Protein backbone atom coordinates (compact mmCIF):
# COMPACT_ATOMS: atom_id res chain seq x y z
CA UNK A 1 4.94 -19.45 -8.51
CA UNK A 2 4.31 -21.65 -5.67
CA UNK A 3 3.12 -18.66 -3.48
CA UNK A 4 0.74 -17.61 -6.15
CA UNK A 5 -0.50 -21.13 -6.77
CA UNK A 6 -1.50 -21.29 -2.86
CA UNK A 7 -3.29 -18.06 -3.29
CA UNK A 8 -5.34 -19.20 -6.60
CA UNK A 9 -6.32 -22.33 -4.75
CA UNK A 10 -7.54 -20.30 -1.77
CA UNK A 11 -9.55 -18.12 -3.94
CA UNK A 12 -11.17 -20.98 -5.99
CA UNK A 13 -11.40 -23.50 -3.30
CA UNK A 14 -14.87 -22.51 -1.63
CA UNK A 15 -16.28 -21.81 -5.20
CA UNK A 16 -15.33 -25.25 -6.44
CA UNK A 17 -16.83 -26.77 -3.22
CA UNK A 18 -20.10 -25.13 -3.50
CA UNK A 19 -20.16 -25.66 -7.32
CA UNK A 20 -19.49 -29.49 -6.96
CA UNK A 21 -21.17 -30.09 -3.65
CA UNK A 22 -18.22 -32.40 -2.73
CA UNK A 23 -18.04 -33.75 0.70
CA UNK A 24 -14.20 -33.78 0.73
CA UNK A 25 -12.65 -31.72 3.56
CA UNK A 26 -11.36 -28.13 2.37
CA UNK A 27 -7.91 -28.57 3.09
CA UNK A 28 -7.93 -31.41 0.88
CA UNK A 29 -9.53 -29.63 -2.00
CA UNK A 30 -7.28 -26.70 -1.25
CA UNK A 31 -4.08 -28.88 -1.59
CA UNK A 32 -5.37 -30.69 -4.83
CA UNK A 33 -6.18 -27.45 -6.51
CA UNK A 34 -2.51 -26.17 -5.84
CA UNK A 35 -1.14 -28.66 -8.30
CA UNK A 36 -3.06 -27.58 -11.46
CA UNK A 37 -2.71 -23.91 -10.48
CA UNK A 38 1.02 -24.11 -10.48
CA UNK A 39 0.89 -26.12 -13.78
CA UNK A 40 -1.19 -23.17 -15.19
CA UNK A 41 1.42 -20.65 -14.16
CA UNK A 42 4.20 -22.61 -15.54
CA UNK A 43 2.27 -22.96 -19.00
CA UNK A 44 1.15 -19.31 -18.81
CA UNK A 45 4.84 -18.26 -18.38
CA UNK A 46 5.97 -20.49 -21.20
CA UNK A 47 3.43 -19.20 -23.42
CA UNK A 48 4.34 -15.59 -22.61
CA UNK A 49 7.81 -16.22 -23.33
CA UNK A 50 7.23 -17.69 -26.57
CA UNK A 51 4.90 -14.90 -27.54
CA UNK A 52 7.61 -12.24 -26.64
CA UNK A 53 10.29 -14.21 -28.77
CA UNK A 54 7.99 -13.66 -31.83
CA UNK A 55 8.05 -10.02 -31.14
CA UNK A 56 12.00 -9.93 -30.78
CA UNK A 57 12.15 -10.22 -26.94
CA UNK A 58 13.51 -13.03 -24.92
CA UNK A 59 11.18 -12.75 -22.16
CA UNK A 60 8.05 -11.02 -20.62
CA UNK A 61 10.01 -9.96 -17.53
CA UNK A 62 13.58 -8.39 -17.48
CA UNK A 63 15.87 -7.71 -14.41
CA UNK A 64 18.82 -5.88 -14.70
CA UNK A 65 21.12 -3.27 -12.88
CA UNK A 66 19.39 0.00 -12.59
CA UNK A 67 21.87 2.63 -14.01
CA UNK A 68 22.70 5.69 -11.73
CA UNK A 69 20.41 8.57 -11.92
CA UNK A 70 23.09 10.92 -10.70
CA UNK A 71 20.60 12.45 -8.12
CA UNK A 72 18.28 13.34 -10.66
CA UNK A 73 14.68 13.53 -9.62
CA UNK A 74 12.83 10.43 -10.43
CA UNK A 75 9.35 11.81 -11.51
CA UNK A 76 7.90 8.41 -11.64
CA UNK A 77 8.28 8.09 -7.76
CA UNK A 78 6.03 11.45 -7.56
CA UNK A 79 3.43 9.60 -9.61
CA UNK A 80 3.58 6.58 -7.08
CA UNK A 81 3.40 8.98 -4.03
CA UNK A 82 0.40 10.67 -5.69
CA UNK A 83 -1.33 7.39 -6.39
CA UNK A 84 -0.67 6.33 -2.64
CA UNK A 85 -1.84 9.60 -1.25
CA UNK A 86 -5.25 9.36 -3.14
CA UNK A 87 -5.56 5.89 -1.87
CA UNK A 88 -5.50 7.11 1.66
CA UNK A 89 -8.93 8.82 1.68
CA UNK A 90 -10.20 6.13 -0.93
CA UNK A 91 -9.63 3.28 1.58
CA UNK A 92 -11.22 5.51 4.27
CA UNK A 93 -14.23 5.96 2.23
CA UNK A 94 -14.68 2.21 2.18
CA UNK A 95 -14.63 2.00 5.91
CA UNK A 96 -16.84 5.25 6.66
CA UNK A 97 -19.49 4.35 4.29
CA UNK A 98 -20.24 0.91 5.29
CA UNK A 99 -18.47 -1.30 2.61
CA UNK A 100 -17.37 -3.90 5.19
CA UNK A 101 -20.80 -4.50 6.60
CA UNK A 102 -22.63 -4.74 3.22
CA UNK A 103 -23.46 -8.09 1.94
CA UNK A 104 -21.00 -9.13 -1.21
CA UNK A 105 -23.23 -9.79 -3.92
CA UNK A 106 -23.91 -8.16 -7.17
CA UNK A 107 -21.78 -6.51 -9.96
CA UNK A 108 -21.31 -3.20 -7.97
CA UNK A 109 -20.07 -4.83 -4.84
CA UNK A 110 -17.73 -6.92 -6.96
CA UNK A 111 -16.20 -3.78 -8.56
CA UNK A 112 -16.28 -2.16 -5.02
CA UNK A 113 -14.14 -5.06 -3.95
CA UNK A 114 -11.67 -4.81 -6.57
CA UNK A 115 -11.58 -0.90 -5.67
CA UNK A 116 -10.79 -1.98 -1.97
CA UNK A 117 -7.96 -3.98 -2.77
CA UNK A 118 -6.29 -1.78 -5.11
CA UNK A 119 -6.31 1.21 -2.73
CA UNK A 120 -5.30 -1.00 0.34
CA UNK A 121 -1.78 -0.65 -1.14
CA UNK A 122 -1.40 2.93 0.14
CA UNK A 123 0.64 1.94 2.97
CA UNK A 124 2.68 -0.82 1.43
CA UNK A 125 3.54 1.79 -1.22
CA UNK A 126 4.79 4.32 1.28
CA UNK A 127 6.86 1.70 2.73
CA UNK A 128 8.30 0.81 -0.42
CA UNK A 129 9.08 4.29 -1.50
CA UNK A 130 10.79 4.48 1.91
CA UNK A 131 13.07 1.52 1.12
CA UNK A 132 13.78 2.86 -2.44
CA UNK A 133 15.19 6.22 -1.18
CA UNK A 134 16.59 5.02 2.23
CA UNK A 135 18.39 1.77 1.58
CA UNK A 136 21.90 3.64 1.50
CA UNK A 137 21.43 5.70 4.56
CA UNK A 138 24.08 4.86 7.47
CA UNK A 139 24.45 5.60 11.31
CA UNK A 140 24.91 9.20 11.71
CA UNK A 141 23.05 12.39 12.79
CA UNK A 142 22.36 13.34 9.19
CA UNK A 143 19.90 10.37 8.99
CA UNK A 144 18.45 10.76 12.62
CA UNK A 145 17.60 14.51 12.31
CA UNK A 146 14.97 13.84 9.53
CA UNK A 147 12.95 12.18 12.42
CA UNK A 148 12.58 15.68 14.02
CA UNK A 149 10.94 17.07 10.84
CA UNK A 150 8.57 14.26 11.09
CA UNK A 151 7.82 14.96 14.86
CA UNK A 152 7.44 18.72 14.10
CA UNK A 153 4.84 17.97 11.28
CA UNK A 154 2.99 15.64 13.74
CA UNK A 155 2.87 18.22 16.60
CA UNK A 156 1.76 20.90 14.42
CA UNK A 157 -1.12 19.10 12.57
CA UNK A 158 -2.22 17.30 15.80
CA UNK A 159 -2.54 20.76 17.42
CA UNK A 160 -4.63 21.75 14.57
CA UNK A 161 -6.77 18.75 14.72
CA UNK A 162 -7.21 19.29 18.65
CA UNK A 163 -8.55 22.85 17.87
CA UNK A 164 -10.87 21.42 15.21
CA UNK A 165 -12.16 18.79 17.62
CA UNK A 166 -12.88 21.65 20.34
CA UNK A 167 -14.30 24.36 18.10
CA UNK A 168 -16.20 22.23 15.53
CA UNK A 169 -16.90 18.82 17.26
CA UNK A 170 -17.37 20.21 20.75
CA UNK A 171 -14.93 17.71 22.30
CA UNK A 172 -13.80 18.48 25.89
CA UNK A 173 -9.81 18.56 25.55
CA UNK A 174 -8.91 16.71 28.74
CA UNK A 175 -5.32 15.70 29.54
CA UNK A 176 -5.88 12.14 28.65
CA UNK A 177 -7.42 13.03 25.33
CA UNK A 178 -4.46 15.34 24.49
CA UNK A 179 -1.91 12.83 25.45
CA UNK A 180 -3.65 10.17 23.29
CA UNK A 181 -3.43 12.28 20.19
CA UNK A 182 -0.14 13.98 20.67
CA UNK A 183 2.13 11.38 22.63
CA UNK A 184 0.28 8.06 21.50
CA UNK A 185 -0.14 9.09 17.82
CA UNK A 186 -3.98 8.37 17.73
CA UNK A 187 -4.40 10.88 14.87
CA UNK A 188 -1.63 9.00 12.63
CA UNK A 189 -0.46 5.44 13.50
CA UNK A 190 1.59 5.41 10.46
CA UNK A 191 3.70 8.27 11.90
CA UNK A 192 4.57 6.23 14.93
CA UNK A 193 5.36 3.25 12.65
CA UNK A 194 7.51 5.36 10.27
CA UNK A 195 9.47 6.90 13.30
CA UNK A 196 10.15 3.33 14.41
CA UNK A 197 11.31 2.36 10.76
CA UNK A 198 13.62 5.53 10.78
CA UNK A 199 15.44 4.28 13.80
CA UNK A 200 15.97 0.90 12.48
CA UNK A 201 16.78 1.64 8.88
CA UNK A 202 20.61 2.05 9.22
CA UNK A 203 20.52 -1.66 10.64
CA UNK A 204 18.21 -2.67 7.85
CA UNK A 205 20.90 -1.24 5.53
CA UNK A 206 23.60 -3.23 7.22
CA UNK A 207 21.80 -6.38 6.38
CA UNK A 208 20.94 -5.40 2.82
CA UNK A 209 24.41 -4.44 2.01
CA UNK A 210 25.96 -7.68 3.21
CA UNK A 211 24.11 -9.41 0.65
CA UNK A 212 26.49 -9.41 -2.29
CA UNK A 213 24.48 -11.34 -5.25
CA UNK A 214 20.82 -10.49 -6.35
CA UNK A 215 19.72 -13.99 -5.63
CA UNK A 216 20.50 -13.65 -2.01
CA UNK A 217 18.61 -10.30 -2.03
CA UNK A 218 15.66 -12.02 -3.65
CA UNK A 219 15.80 -14.82 -1.24
CA UNK A 220 15.61 -12.50 1.64
CA UNK A 221 12.45 -10.94 0.25
CA UNK A 222 10.95 -14.38 -0.69
CA UNK A 223 11.55 -15.58 2.87
CA UNK A 224 9.93 -12.34 4.31
CA UNK A 225 6.89 -13.22 2.14
CA UNK A 226 6.85 -16.67 3.34
CA UNK A 227 6.93 -15.76 6.84
CA UNK A 228 4.55 -12.90 6.87
CA UNK A 229 2.14 -13.35 3.75
CA UNK A 230 1.74 -17.22 3.25
CA UNK A 231 0.42 -17.78 6.85
CA UNK A 232 -3.37 -17.32 6.17
CA UNK A 233 -2.84 -19.72 3.36
CA UNK A 234 -1.28 -22.47 5.31
CA UNK A 235 -3.95 -23.04 7.88
CA UNK A 236 -1.79 -21.38 10.47
CA UNK A 237 1.32 -23.81 9.98
CA UNK A 238 3.22 -20.53 9.44
CA UNK A 239 2.10 -18.70 12.61
CA UNK A 240 0.65 -15.11 12.61
CA UNK A 241 3.16 -13.94 15.19
CA UNK A 242 5.45 -12.95 12.02
CA UNK A 243 2.93 -10.49 10.75
CA UNK A 244 4.94 -7.30 11.51
CA UNK A 245 7.56 -8.46 9.10
CA UNK A 246 5.26 -6.72 6.47
CA UNK A 247 7.33 -3.69 7.21
CA UNK A 248 10.59 -5.35 6.00
CA UNK A 249 8.96 -6.93 2.97
CA UNK A 250 8.10 -3.46 1.31
CA UNK A 251 11.17 -1.80 2.62
CA UNK A 252 13.47 -4.35 0.90
CA UNK A 253 11.37 -4.27 -2.08
CA UNK A 254 11.92 -0.89 -2.42
CA UNK A 255 15.70 -1.18 -1.93
CA UNK A 256 15.64 -4.03 -4.54
CA UNK A 257 13.68 -1.66 -7.03
CA UNK A 258 16.27 1.02 -6.59
CA UNK A 259 19.05 -1.27 -7.63
CA UNK A 260 17.70 -3.39 -10.20
CA UNK A 261 15.13 -2.43 -12.91
CA UNK A 262 12.15 -4.84 -13.51
CA UNK A 263 10.65 -4.45 -16.70
CA UNK A 264 7.12 -5.78 -17.51
CA UNK A 265 5.41 -4.68 -20.72
CA UNK A 266 3.18 -2.04 -19.73
CA UNK A 267 -0.04 -3.52 -21.08
CA UNK A 268 0.78 -6.67 -19.57
CA UNK A 269 1.49 -5.21 -16.18
CA UNK A 270 -2.04 -3.51 -16.36
CA UNK A 271 -3.75 -6.90 -17.34
CA UNK A 272 -1.93 -8.63 -14.34
CA UNK A 273 -3.14 -6.02 -11.93
CA UNK A 274 -6.69 -6.44 -13.23
CA UNK A 275 -6.46 -10.14 -13.33
CA UNK A 276 -5.00 -10.11 -9.60
CA UNK A 277 -7.99 -7.90 -8.57
CA UNK A 278 -10.61 -10.08 -10.14
CA UNK A 279 -9.21 -13.08 -8.76
CA UNK A 280 -9.15 -11.50 -5.13
CA UNK A 281 -12.86 -10.28 -5.60
CA UNK A 282 -13.83 -13.84 -6.51
CA UNK A 283 -11.81 -15.16 -3.20
CA UNK A 284 -13.78 -12.55 -1.11
CA UNK A 285 -17.17 -13.22 -2.69
CA UNK A 286 -16.82 -17.17 -2.05
CA UNK A 287 -15.38 -16.83 1.40
CA UNK A 288 -17.68 -14.37 2.93
CA UNK A 289 -18.82 -14.04 6.62
CA UNK A 290 -21.80 -15.87 7.74
CA UNK A 291 -24.00 -12.66 7.18
CA UNK A 292 -22.34 -12.21 3.66
CA UNK A 293 -20.05 -9.36 4.57
CA UNK A 294 -16.29 -8.85 3.92
CA UNK A 295 -14.13 -11.33 5.51
CA UNK A 296 -11.14 -9.55 6.93
CA UNK A 297 -9.19 -12.77 7.57
CA UNK A 298 -9.58 -14.21 3.94
CA UNK A 299 -6.02 -14.70 2.64
CA UNK A 300 -4.96 -11.93 5.09
CA UNK A 301 -4.52 -10.97 8.83
CA UNK A 302 -7.39 -8.61 9.49
CA UNK A 303 -5.47 -7.17 12.53
CA UNK A 304 -3.45 -5.01 9.97
CA UNK A 305 -6.08 -4.56 7.26
CA UNK A 306 -4.45 -7.00 5.03
CA UNK A 307 -1.26 -4.97 4.33
CA UNK A 308 0.65 -8.02 4.70
CA UNK A 309 -1.54 -10.20 2.40
CA UNK A 310 0.04 -11.82 -0.61
CA UNK A 311 -2.47 -9.88 -3.04
CA UNK A 312 -1.45 -6.59 -1.32
CA UNK A 313 2.39 -7.67 -1.85
CA UNK A 314 1.88 -8.55 -5.51
CA UNK A 315 -0.32 -5.50 -6.40
CA UNK A 316 2.24 -3.14 -4.80
CA UNK A 317 5.15 -4.77 -6.77
CA UNK A 318 3.37 -4.32 -10.06
CA UNK A 319 2.11 -0.84 -9.13
CA UNK A 320 5.71 -0.02 -8.44
CA UNK A 321 7.06 -1.63 -11.55
CA UNK A 322 4.45 0.14 -13.79
CA UNK A 323 4.87 3.71 -12.42
CA UNK A 324 8.49 3.80 -11.27
CA UNK A 325 9.76 4.94 -14.55
CA UNK A 326 6.86 6.97 -15.98
CA UNK A 327 7.80 10.55 -17.09
CA UNK A 328 5.60 12.35 -19.56
CA UNK A 329 8.35 15.11 -19.99
CA UNK A 330 5.61 17.70 -19.68
CA UNK A 331 6.65 20.37 -17.12
CA UNK A 332 3.34 21.19 -15.98
CA UNK A 333 2.34 17.47 -15.26
CA UNK A 334 5.62 17.19 -13.61
CA UNK A 335 5.08 20.13 -11.25
CA UNK A 336 1.68 18.68 -10.57
CA UNK A 337 2.68 15.40 -9.38
CA UNK A 338 5.82 16.98 -7.50
CA UNK A 339 3.51 19.41 -5.70
CA UNK A 340 1.56 16.65 -4.13
CA UNK A 341 4.64 14.41 -3.50
CA UNK A 342 6.46 16.72 -1.22
CA UNK A 343 3.18 17.15 1.09
CA UNK A 344 2.25 13.52 1.17
CA UNK A 345 2.71 12.98 4.85
CA UNK A 346 0.97 16.28 5.63
CA UNK A 347 -2.05 15.20 3.20
CA UNK A 348 -2.21 11.68 5.20
CA UNK A 349 -2.41 13.37 8.47
CA UNK A 350 -4.94 16.17 7.48
CA UNK A 351 -7.15 13.80 5.37
CA UNK A 352 -8.36 12.06 8.50
CA UNK A 353 -9.52 15.63 9.85
CA UNK A 354 -11.71 16.43 6.67
CA UNK A 355 -13.02 12.90 6.87
CA UNK A 356 -14.48 13.84 10.15
CA UNK A 357 -16.06 17.00 8.93
CA UNK A 358 -17.41 15.84 5.55
CA UNK A 359 -18.88 12.18 6.28
CA UNK A 360 -21.22 13.23 8.94
CA UNK A 361 -22.84 15.66 6.51
CA UNK A 362 -23.42 13.14 3.78
CA UNK A 363 -26.93 11.97 3.41
CA UNK A 364 -27.07 8.42 2.14
CA UNK A 365 -28.77 5.00 2.35
CA UNK A 366 -26.18 2.42 2.56
CA UNK A 367 -22.85 1.71 0.86
CA UNK A 368 -24.54 0.98 -2.60
CA UNK A 369 -26.34 4.32 -2.43
CA UNK A 370 -23.11 6.40 -1.90
CA UNK A 371 -20.46 4.37 -3.86
CA UNK A 372 -21.03 5.92 -7.12
CA UNK A 373 -20.24 9.35 -5.60
CA UNK A 374 -16.82 8.03 -4.49
CA UNK A 375 -14.87 9.96 -6.85
CA UNK A 376 -16.52 13.02 -5.95
CA UNK A 377 -16.08 12.68 -2.25
CA UNK A 378 -12.61 11.53 -2.40
CA UNK A 379 -11.52 14.38 -4.66
CA UNK A 380 -12.92 16.93 -2.22
CA UNK A 381 -11.09 15.44 0.72
CA UNK A 382 -7.90 15.24 -1.44
CA UNK A 383 -8.11 18.83 -2.50
CA UNK A 384 -8.86 20.23 1.03
CA UNK A 385 -6.03 18.11 2.33
CA UNK A 386 -3.78 19.36 -0.40
CA UNK A 387 -4.56 23.13 0.35
CA UNK A 388 -3.99 22.75 4.03
CA UNK A 389 -0.92 20.72 3.39
CA UNK A 390 0.65 23.62 1.16
CA UNK A 391 -0.11 26.15 3.77
CA UNK A 392 1.52 24.16 6.39
CA UNK A 393 4.62 23.98 4.07
CA UNK A 394 4.48 27.62 3.50
CA UNK A 395 4.54 28.32 7.30
CA UNK A 396 7.34 26.00 7.88
CA UNK A 397 9.29 27.49 5.14
CA UNK A 398 8.87 31.06 6.63
CA UNK A 399 9.89 29.82 10.11
CA UNK A 400 13.04 28.02 8.77
CA UNK A 401 14.05 30.91 6.33
CA UNK A 402 16.05 32.95 8.77
CA UNK A 403 17.93 30.02 9.78
CA UNK A 404 18.75 29.13 6.29
CA UNK A 405 19.97 32.79 5.74
CA UNK A 406 22.21 32.58 8.78
CA UNK A 407 23.63 29.42 7.52
CA UNK A 408 24.26 30.99 4.14
């Protein structure tokens, strides 16, 4: 509640100063706002709990040990992966069509700002999914050999993209250019990050497994959020040098959600997501750059696109709890989400290739002109990436088939 109070104060501080014309210093106004924001959250919590008791529940938030799934497929995780993978071209759309250089004013830009924040959760969601499925992995070849699969995918798709650069974009494939893409992961910074995470996962898990109580695990996550996400809200009292810890935040949130089921009423969960998006958009509108454009450093560290920011952490947690247990029971829908889930890495890498092909062909006059067509553009890139990813999956299956037959 204290962390959220700090964030609410940061979002409303500039608006209050402009509204009242006060001459008090910004840090003082910010500090004063924290108290009523905290009281508001306490009262809201009490009111929600009282409302829940009238409907037969003790609380609006339940946390209890998650029952064993017996290695059964968790279809809600496929839905989350689907949302994460469509978020990648969606957030690329914002950057490639001029959102960040457009003045933040008007209803459409307010909606666009909300859209930006919901889709910035793409990387946090992938990291959280990793923690969910990998938090029991131990030191051993069985774990580390999966890195080779990721590297093989990286090499295969990078070679395709190099061919596209040469044939389609007319780029001269010099030695340095090939090394930058193939060895230094310029086509997919997340792949390099993920491989680093895979190398460290067994040691992360030793830390996690040594924490015997739920409280200790929650304290670990809260401490990481304090060190990594609260910095921009403390006027750099908490230094930005801790920013890389955002990887650990999401990994351990995933591990926590695997062990404990966090239940929030679905309607209330959606309302909380909407309220957080609206609050964040208000904060961005009242804390713009001098030219009125998006301020990357508002309540976030612009150096990592805001992945470490408190709103990204809260939104990721809410999205996970909203979708993790979703299962329609309809086999075609299960198959639909599963088919996207198994090629999410490939789609991530291929989507950037199609960005480079499609966006130069779009004819538009500024972000506000192209924004209404965002669903159409993103859907096109998603489908092209999906088809290409499935072809790659088929090729890899055929290559590995003889080895599988020999093993049998």
